[in-house]
Amino acid sequence: MTNTWIVAVSPQISALIDTGRALGGTVTAVVAGTDPSRFLGVDRVIAIAAPEGVPAEALAPSVASAVAAQAGDVVLVANRPSERVLAGAVAAKLGAPILTGAKVIGKETAEISRYGGVTQQTISLAQPVVLVVDGGTAPSGNAAASETVQAEPYAATVTSTDASSVAQVNLSAAKRIVAVGRGFKSEADLQLAKDLAAAIGADLACSRPIAEGSGWLARDRYIGVSGQHVAPDVYIALGISGQLQHTVGMTDSRVVVAVNSDEHAPIFAGSDYGIVGDIYTVVPAITAAVK
């Protein structure tokens, strides 16, 4: 029987719990520096208590010691900064590999996306592995019995906090996405895409140049090899050429609609519906039609 160990700082682990339930064994959450009562729907919670001002990352030794995964067990870690640090400590302690890009996690094997989604690899789960995947949302369910372990943290403390004023977005959970590319001439013109997104209840995303080149949108809205990987019901690509480094991030979308002025743009090859035209004309027309 495959037991699941979830290493978490945030209670947004519903997807990890669902995976653990599908595997059939017990689901244990090892919680670092967070109120354990917020972690619902698991069988057991091991809480690593942190002294005041100590960041979750400093609890890595205690977290690693608490994860007693055996042969055939799976360790799941949400793809978030603090959890990725803890994943490294757990993997080192277990002598296990850290794997990202898991598409399917079964009781004996897992399908892993390689080279940014260009190919797939089947790996054996006969020995413990640490899988870094999307965490999901906060789960529902009953509170589990918990035990508290006193931490032996690294000598690190938080001396100041610089909070970002930019709202974070969880594109991996989005059902509809409107993505923008270099076909837009200015940041102000993105309002066309924002209006369409608002009209259909979609989240706004972008290709890499919009986030890392122009800086028009936050990096957490960038879809591609080194960005977000999404699987919405509807993905609308506006002014995106469709290079491989972008399309591997949205290849699991159920329906893809592309708008581009270049009829030979690669994005059309992977689209269910394509419109060849000027986004400055087509997008307002679509928005008006769906209102």
Protein backbone atom coordinates (compact mmCIF):
# COMPACT_ATOMS: atom_id res chain seq x y z
CA MET A 1 0.00 0.00 0.00
CA THR A 2 1.30 3.42 -0.96
CA ASN A 3 1.24 5.88 1.93
CA THR A 4 1.46 9.59 1.24
CA TRP A 5 3.43 12.21 3.14
CA ILE A 6 2.55 15.84 2.46
CA VAL A 7 5.10 18.48 3.42
CA ALA A 8 3.39 21.83 3.77
CA VAL A 9 3.60 25.38 5.03
CA SER A 10 0.31 26.57 3.54
CA PRO A 11 -2.97 24.67 4.05
CA GLN A 12 -3.69 24.93 0.31
CA ILE A 13 -3.06 21.23 -0.32
CA SER A 14 -6.38 19.89 -1.66
CA ALA A 15 -4.77 18.51 -4.84
CA LEU A 16 -2.12 16.70 -2.80
CA ILE A 17 -4.76 15.14 -0.57
CA ASP A 18 -6.77 14.00 -3.60
CA THR A 19 -3.65 12.30 -4.97
CA GLY A 20 -2.98 10.62 -1.64
CA ARG A 21 -6.54 9.32 -1.42
CA ALA A 22 -6.29 7.90 -4.93
CA LEU A 23 -3.17 5.98 -3.91
CA GLY A 24 -5.14 4.30 -1.14
CA GLY A 25 -2.86 4.49 1.88
CA THR A 26 -2.75 6.84 4.83
CA VAL A 27 -2.21 10.56 4.25
CA THR A 28 0.06 12.35 6.72
CA ALA A 29 0.70 16.08 6.64
CA VAL A 30 3.99 17.33 8.07
CA VAL A 31 3.27 20.99 8.80
CA ALA A 32 6.08 23.50 9.25
CA GLY A 33 5.51 26.54 11.45
CA THR A 34 1.76 26.81 10.77
CA ASP A 35 -1.40 26.22 12.79
CA PRO A 36 -2.05 22.46 12.33
CA SER A 37 -5.82 22.87 12.84
CA ARG A 38 -6.03 24.48 9.38
CA PHE A 39 -4.97 21.25 7.67
CA LEU A 40 -8.21 19.37 7.10
CA GLY A 41 -8.98 16.13 5.31
CA VAL A 42 -5.80 14.18 6.17
CA ASP A 43 -5.42 11.18 8.47
CA ARG A 44 -2.68 12.59 10.64
CA VAL A 45 -0.84 15.85 11.20
CA ILE A 46 2.70 16.21 12.49
CA ALA A 47 3.20 19.84 13.47
CA ILE A 48 6.71 21.26 13.63
CA ALA A 49 6.46 24.12 16.10
CA ALA A 50 8.61 27.13 15.26
CA PRO A 51 9.89 29.75 17.70
CA GLU A 52 8.68 33.30 17.09
CA GLY A 53 10.31 34.92 14.07
CA VAL A 54 11.80 31.71 12.65
CA PRO A 55 10.97 31.14 8.94
CA ALA A 56 9.57 27.83 7.82
CA GLU A 57 12.69 27.12 5.75
CA ALA A 58 14.79 27.06 8.93
CA LEU A 59 12.74 24.06 10.14
CA ALA A 60 14.11 21.87 7.34
CA PRO A 61 16.09 19.47 9.61
CA SER A 62 13.07 18.77 11.82
CA VAL A 63 10.74 18.38 8.84
CA ALA A 64 13.12 15.91 7.22
CA SER A 65 13.33 13.86 10.42
CA ALA A 66 9.53 13.74 10.73
CA VAL A 67 8.97 12.26 7.27
CA ALA A 68 9.37 8.53 7.83
CA ALA A 69 8.60 7.41 4.29
CA GLN A 70 9.22 3.76 3.49
CA ALA A 71 9.72 1.88 0.23
CA GLY A 72 6.72 2.51 -2.01
CA ASP A 73 5.66 5.70 -0.22
CA VAL A 74 5.29 9.05 -1.94
CA VAL A 75 6.21 12.47 -0.56
CA LEU A 76 4.19 15.31 -2.08
CA VAL A 77 5.24 18.95 -1.83
CA ALA A 78 3.36 21.95 -3.18
CA ASN A 79 5.22 23.94 -5.81
CA ARG A 80 5.77 27.01 -3.63
CA PRO A 81 9.06 28.64 -2.52
CA SER A 82 9.13 27.59 1.15
CA GLU A 83 7.93 24.07 0.44
CA ARG A 84 10.55 23.58 -2.29
CA VAL A 85 13.28 24.30 0.27
CA LEU A 86 11.81 21.71 2.63
CA ALA A 87 11.54 19.23 -0.25
CA GLY A 88 15.30 19.39 -0.71
CA ALA A 89 15.94 18.55 2.93
CA VAL A 90 13.47 15.64 2.89
CA ALA A 91 14.94 14.22 -0.31
CA ALA A 92 18.48 14.42 1.08
CA LYS A 93 17.47 12.63 4.27
CA LEU A 94 15.64 9.86 2.40
CA GLY A 95 18.20 9.57 -0.38
CA ALA A 96 15.28 10.11 -2.75
CA PRO A 97 15.04 12.02 -6.03
CA ILE A 98 13.09 15.27 -6.33
CA LEU A 99 10.84 15.19 -9.38
CA THR A 100 8.74 17.92 -10.94
CA GLY A 101 6.22 17.90 -13.77
CA ALA A 102 4.22 14.86 -12.64
CA LYS A 103 1.27 14.34 -14.98
CA VAL A 104 -0.08 11.09 -13.53
CA ILE A 105 0.78 9.57 -10.13
CA GLY A 106 -0.18 5.92 -9.74
CA LYS A 107 0.39 3.30 -7.08
CA GLU A 108 3.49 1.87 -8.75
CA THR A 109 4.60 4.43 -11.34
CA ALA A 110 4.34 8.10 -12.19
CA GLU A 111 4.37 9.87 -15.54
CA ILE A 112 6.79 12.80 -15.44
CA SER A 113 6.99 15.62 -17.97
CA ARG A 114 10.57 16.17 -19.11
CA TYR A 115 12.31 19.02 -20.96
CA GLY A 116 9.46 21.40 -20.29
CA GLY A 117 6.82 19.00 -21.55
CA VAL A 118 8.54 17.95 -24.77
CA THR A 119 8.57 14.30 -23.68
CA GLN A 120 7.23 12.03 -20.93
CA GLN A 121 9.06 9.58 -18.67
CA THR A 122 7.66 6.71 -16.61
CA ILE A 123 9.35 6.29 -13.24
CA SER A 124 9.01 3.54 -10.65
CA LEU A 125 7.68 4.34 -7.18
CA ALA A 126 9.21 1.24 -5.63
CA GLN A 127 11.43 3.51 -3.52
CA PRO A 128 10.41 6.81 -1.88
CA VAL A 129 10.30 9.80 -4.19
CA VAL A 130 9.64 13.49 -3.55
CA LEU A 131 7.21 14.97 -6.07
CA VAL A 132 6.81 18.74 -6.37
CA VAL A 133 3.36 19.43 -7.82
CA ASP A 134 0.53 21.96 -7.71
CA GLY A 135 -0.88 22.17 -4.18
CA GLY A 136 -4.43 23.15 -5.03
CA THR A 137 -6.73 25.04 -2.70
CA ALA A 138 -7.56 24.83 1.00
CA PRO A 139 -9.33 21.48 1.59
CA SER A 140 -12.55 20.75 3.39
CA GLY A 141 -13.14 17.90 5.79
CA ASN A 142 -12.53 17.10 9.40
CA ALA A 143 -9.54 18.09 11.47
CA ALA A 144 -7.12 15.19 11.98
CA ALA A 145 -5.42 14.12 15.15
CA SER A 146 -2.15 15.99 15.46
CA GLU A 147 1.09 15.70 17.35
CA THR A 148 3.56 18.50 17.90
CA VAL A 149 7.32 18.11 17.46
CA GLN A 150 9.61 20.75 18.91
CA ALA A 151 11.86 22.03 16.19
CA GLU A 152 15.62 22.25 16.14
CA PRO A 153 15.84 24.98 13.51
CA TYR A 154 18.75 26.56 11.75
CA ALA A 155 19.87 29.85 13.27
CA ALA A 156 17.72 32.07 11.09
CA THR A 157 15.14 34.70 11.93
CA VAL A 158 12.92 37.07 9.99
CA THR A 159 14.15 40.61 10.60
CA SER A 160 11.77 42.43 8.26
CA THR A 161 8.98 41.77 5.79
CA ASP A 162 8.51 43.55 2.48
CA ALA A 163 5.02 42.63 1.35
CA SER A 164 4.22 42.77 -2.35
CA SER A 165 1.32 44.94 -3.42
CA VAL A 166 0.70 42.66 -6.42
CA ALA A 167 -2.12 40.17 -5.95
CA GLN A 168 -1.04 36.56 -6.44
CA VAL A 169 -2.93 34.37 -8.89
CA ASN A 170 -3.26 30.58 -8.97
CA LEU A 171 -3.46 29.92 -12.70
CA SER A 172 -3.15 26.16 -12.23
CA ALA A 173 -6.68 26.14 -10.79
CA ALA A 174 -8.17 28.47 -13.42
CA LYS A 175 -11.04 27.14 -15.56
CA ARG A 176 -10.73 29.90 -18.17
CA ILE A 177 -7.60 31.80 -19.16
CA VAL A 178 -7.03 34.73 -21.51
CA ALA A 179 -3.32 34.94 -22.36
CA VAL A 180 -1.58 37.88 -24.02
CA GLY A 181 1.58 38.04 -26.08
CA ARG A 182 3.80 40.41 -28.01
CA GLY A 183 1.02 41.21 -30.42
CA PHE A 184 -0.01 43.93 -27.96
CA LYS A 185 1.82 47.18 -28.63
CA SER A 186 1.61 48.79 -25.19
CA GLU A 187 0.78 47.94 -21.61
CA ALA A 188 -2.33 50.11 -21.78
CA ASP A 189 -3.62 47.98 -24.66
CA LEU A 190 -3.84 44.98 -22.32
CA GLN A 191 -7.13 46.46 -21.17
CA LEU A 192 -8.67 44.82 -24.25
CA ALA A 193 -7.70 41.40 -22.88
CA LYS A 194 -8.75 42.34 -19.35
CA ASP A 195 -12.19 43.30 -20.62
CA LEU A 196 -12.54 39.96 -22.40
CA ALA A 197 -11.35 38.07 -19.31
CA ALA A 198 -13.87 39.90 -17.15
CA ALA A 199 -16.68 39.18 -19.61
CA ILE A 200 -16.11 35.41 -19.56
CA GLY A 201 -14.91 35.04 -15.96
CA ALA A 202 -11.32 34.20 -16.91
CA ASP A 203 -7.91 34.83 -15.39
CA LEU A 204 -5.35 36.89 -17.26
CA ALA A 205 -2.04 35.28 -18.22
CA CYS A 206 0.82 35.99 -20.61
CA SER A 207 3.78 34.70 -22.57
CA ARG A 208 7.28 35.12 -21.16
CA PRO A 209 8.24 38.41 -22.90
CA ILE A 210 5.25 40.21 -21.37
CA ALA A 211 6.33 39.27 -17.83
CA GLU A 212 10.11 39.12 -18.01
CA GLY A 213 10.82 41.42 -20.95
CA SER A 214 8.27 44.20 -20.78
CA GLY A 215 7.27 43.68 -17.15
CA TRP A 216 3.64 44.45 -17.98
CA LEU A 217 2.34 41.55 -15.87
CA ALA A 218 3.69 39.78 -12.79
CA ARG A 219 5.85 36.72 -13.31
CA ASP A 220 3.28 34.40 -11.72
CA ARG A 221 1.07 35.06 -14.76
CA TYR A 222 3.68 33.80 -17.23
CA ILE A 223 2.89 30.45 -18.86
CA GLY A 224 5.68 28.35 -20.33
CA VAL A 225 8.62 26.02 -19.69
CA SER A 226 9.94 27.89 -16.66
CA GLY A 227 6.61 29.46 -15.75
CA GLN A 228 3.12 28.17 -15.00
CA HIS A 229 1.71 24.94 -16.44
CA VAL A 230 -2.05 25.13 -16.79
CA ALA A 231 -4.99 22.96 -17.86
CA PRO A 232 -8.08 25.17 -18.14
CA ASP A 233 -11.32 24.29 -19.88
CA VAL A 234 -10.80 27.25 -22.23
CA TYR A 235 -7.50 28.92 -23.16
CA ILE A 236 -7.64 32.03 -25.36
CA ALA A 237 -4.27 33.07 -26.80
CA LEU A 238 -4.18 36.67 -28.02
CA GLY A 239 -1.22 37.84 -30.07
CA ILE A 240 0.92 34.87 -29.03
CA SER A 241 3.04 33.32 -31.77
CA GLY A 242 3.05 29.86 -30.17
CA GLN A 243 6.72 28.98 -29.73
CA LEU A 244 7.40 25.65 -28.00
CA GLN A 245 8.61 27.23 -24.77
CA HIS A 246 5.14 28.73 -24.31
CA THR A 247 2.87 26.00 -25.66
CA VAL A 248 4.26 23.29 -23.36
CA GLY A 249 2.78 25.29 -20.49
CA MET A 250 -0.76 25.16 -21.88
CA THR A 251 -0.77 21.90 -23.83
CA ASP A 252 -3.24 20.30 -21.40
CA SER A 253 -5.93 22.92 -22.08
CA ARG A 254 -9.21 21.34 -23.18
CA VAL A 255 -10.15 23.98 -25.78
CA VAL A 256 -7.66 26.45 -27.28
CA VAL A 257 -8.74 29.56 -29.17
CA ALA A 258 -6.05 31.61 -30.91
CA VAL A 259 -6.17 35.09 -32.39
CA ASN A 260 -3.17 36.20 -34.43
CA SER A 261 -2.61 38.37 -37.49
CA ASP A 262 -0.06 35.89 -38.91
CA GLU A 263 -1.87 32.99 -40.54
CA HIS A 264 1.35 30.93 -40.31
CA ALA A 265 1.80 31.46 -36.55
CA PRO A 266 2.67 28.14 -34.81
CA ILE A 267 -0.08 28.71 -32.24
CA PHE A 268 -2.70 27.70 -34.81
CA ALA A 269 -1.24 24.20 -35.11
CA GLY A 270 -2.32 23.39 -31.55
CA SER A 271 -5.57 25.33 -31.52
CA ASP A 272 -9.12 24.05 -31.72
CA TYR A 273 -10.33 27.39 -33.09
CA GLY A 274 -8.23 30.00 -34.86
CA ILE A 275 -9.00 33.54 -35.95
CA VAL A 276 -6.59 35.26 -38.32
CA GLY A 277 -7.00 38.96 -37.71
CA ASP A 278 -5.91 42.07 -35.85
CA ILE A 279 -6.35 41.60 -32.09
CA TYR A 280 -7.31 45.28 -31.84
CA THR A 281 -10.36 44.53 -33.96
CA VAL A 282 -11.12 40.92 -33.10
CA VAL A 283 -10.85 41.06 -29.29
CA PRO A 284 -13.38 43.89 -28.77
CA ALA A 285 -15.76 42.08 -31.13
CA ILE A 286 -15.48 38.84 -29.12
CA THR A 287 -15.98 40.75 -25.88
CA ALA A 288 -19.10 42.43 -27.22
CA ALA A 289 -20.46 39.11 -28.46
CA VAL A 290 -20.13 37.32 -25.10
CA LYS A 291 -21.56 40.12 -22.97
